[in-house]
Amino acid sequence: MKRIIYRLVGTFAILLTLFSCAPEEIVRLDQSGVPKISEMQITITSTAGVVTFHLENEGCVPIWIFPKITSTKNDYQSNYKAGTYTVEVKAYNRNGVSDGSVVKEFVVE
């Protein structure tokens, strides 16, 4: 009886060893995949004092830099009084942060 149990445990251990672990695929960073600020498509819309900031580029996360706060949320919204304002925009993805930034001016009526 002990031999059967030992054989079952041994067989199970061998099967577990063979099928439990698979080598992880290593994803390497690609310098050519870093977002280029010249390719960023930025949309800023204003409706009744509510301004929405949107980055159109797939696979990129925006970095909205305002005078007092910073946000990485796409479709970021904020309330503004009438006037002219600016926002600095950078972007990042799994390969790194954009090669520069762009300053966008927007008007709230």
Protein backbone atom coordinates (compact mmCIF):
# COMPACT_ATOMS: atom_id res chain seq x y z
CA MET A 1 0.00 0.00 0.00
CA LYS A 2 2.86 2.38 0.84
CA ARG A 3 4.46 1.72 -2.54
CA ILE A 4 1.30 2.75 -4.38
CA ILE A 5 1.07 5.96 -2.38
CA TYR A 6 4.76 6.74 -2.98
CA ARG A 7 4.35 6.09 -6.71
CA LEU A 8 1.27 8.32 -6.91
CA VAL A 9 3.01 11.12 -5.01
CA GLY A 10 6.13 10.75 -7.18
CA THR A 11 4.09 10.78 -10.38
CA PHE A 12 2.17 13.83 -9.18
CA ALA A 13 5.42 15.63 -8.28
CA ILE A 14 6.90 14.92 -11.72
CA LEU A 15 3.74 16.13 -13.49
CA LEU A 16 3.60 19.21 -11.30
CA THR A 17 7.23 20.01 -12.08
CA LEU A 18 6.74 19.58 -15.83
CA PHE A 19 3.56 21.60 -16.21
CA SER A 20 3.52 24.15 -13.40
CA CYS A 21 6.09 26.68 -14.56
CA ALA A 22 6.62 28.25 -17.92
CA PRO A 23 9.43 30.68 -18.61
CA GLU A 24 8.30 34.29 -18.54
CA GLU A 25 8.56 36.23 -21.73
CA ILE A 26 10.85 39.19 -21.20
CA VAL A 27 9.52 42.37 -22.74
CA ARG A 28 12.35 44.70 -23.62
CA LEU A 29 12.00 48.46 -23.74
CA ASP A 30 12.21 49.95 -27.20
CA GLN A 31 13.74 53.43 -27.44
CA SER A 32 12.07 53.96 -30.80
CA GLY A 33 8.70 53.33 -29.10
CA VAL A 34 8.97 56.33 -26.75
CA PRO A 35 6.12 58.77 -27.52
CA LYS A 36 7.11 61.68 -29.75
CA ILE A 37 5.48 64.92 -28.75
CA SER A 38 5.27 65.95 -32.42
CA GLU A 39 2.89 63.02 -33.00
CA MET A 40 0.58 63.77 -30.07
CA GLN A 41 -3.02 64.55 -30.94
CA ILE A 42 -4.47 66.67 -28.16
CA THR A 43 -8.09 67.80 -27.94
CA ILE A 44 -9.26 70.48 -25.52
CA THR A 45 -12.98 71.25 -25.43
CA SER A 46 -14.87 73.76 -23.31
CA THR A 47 -18.59 73.65 -22.51
CA ALA A 48 -20.14 76.03 -19.97
CA GLY A 49 -16.87 76.49 -18.10
CA VAL A 50 -16.07 72.77 -17.93
CA VAL A 51 -12.90 72.02 -19.89
CA THR A 52 -12.07 68.47 -21.02
CA PHE A 53 -8.50 67.50 -21.91
CA HIS A 54 -8.08 64.43 -24.12
CA LEU A 55 -5.06 62.68 -25.65
CA GLU A 56 -6.04 60.80 -28.81
CA ASN A 57 -2.96 58.55 -29.11
CA GLU A 58 -3.62 54.85 -28.31
CA GLY A 59 -1.26 53.24 -25.82
CA CYS A 60 -0.10 56.56 -24.36
CA VAL A 61 -0.96 58.11 -21.01
CA PRO A 62 -1.09 61.92 -20.86
CA ILE A 63 0.67 64.03 -18.28
CA TRP A 64 -1.32 67.27 -17.94
CA ILE A 65 0.76 69.91 -16.15
CA PHE A 66 -1.23 72.85 -14.80
CA PRO A 67 0.11 75.71 -12.65
CA LYS A 68 -0.91 74.06 -9.34
CA ILE A 69 -1.64 70.41 -10.16
CA THR A 70 -0.62 67.54 -12.43
CA SER A 71 -2.89 64.79 -13.75
CA THR A 72 -2.38 61.59 -15.73
CA LYS A 73 -6.08 61.00 -16.38
CA ASN A 74 -7.24 60.99 -19.98
CA ASP A 75 -10.48 62.94 -20.44
CA TYR A 76 -9.49 65.04 -17.43
CA GLN A 77 -12.11 67.69 -16.63
CA SER A 78 -11.83 70.91 -14.67
CA ASN A 79 -13.94 74.04 -14.13
CA TYR A 80 -12.62 77.40 -15.34
CA LYS A 81 -13.84 80.98 -15.30
CA ALA A 82 -13.80 82.92 -18.56
CA GLY A 83 -10.29 83.65 -19.76
CA THR A 84 -7.24 82.32 -21.57
CA TYR A 85 -5.22 79.52 -19.99
CA THR A 86 -2.34 77.20 -20.82
CA VAL A 87 -1.54 73.56 -20.09
CA GLU A 88 1.73 71.72 -20.65
CA VAL A 89 1.37 68.18 -22.00
CA LYS A 90 3.76 65.23 -21.93
CA ALA A 91 2.95 61.56 -22.58
CA TYR A 92 4.32 58.19 -21.58
CA ASN A 93 3.93 54.53 -22.45
CA ARG A 94 5.72 51.32 -21.46
CA ASN A 95 8.87 52.51 -23.26
CA GLY A 96 9.24 55.82 -21.43
CA VAL A 97 8.26 59.48 -21.27
CA SER A 98 7.91 61.66 -24.37
CA ASP A 99 10.93 63.39 -25.82
CA GLY A 100 9.61 66.81 -24.82
CA SER A 101 6.42 68.65 -24.00
CA VAL A 102 4.02 70.96 -25.73
CA VAL A 103 2.22 73.95 -24.25
CA LYS A 104 -1.38 74.34 -25.39
CA GLU A 105 -3.40 77.50 -24.96
CA PHE A 106 -7.17 77.31 -24.54
CA VAL A 107 -9.92 79.90 -24.15
CA VAL A 108 -12.94 79.62 -21.88
CA GLU A 109 -15.83 81.96 -22.76
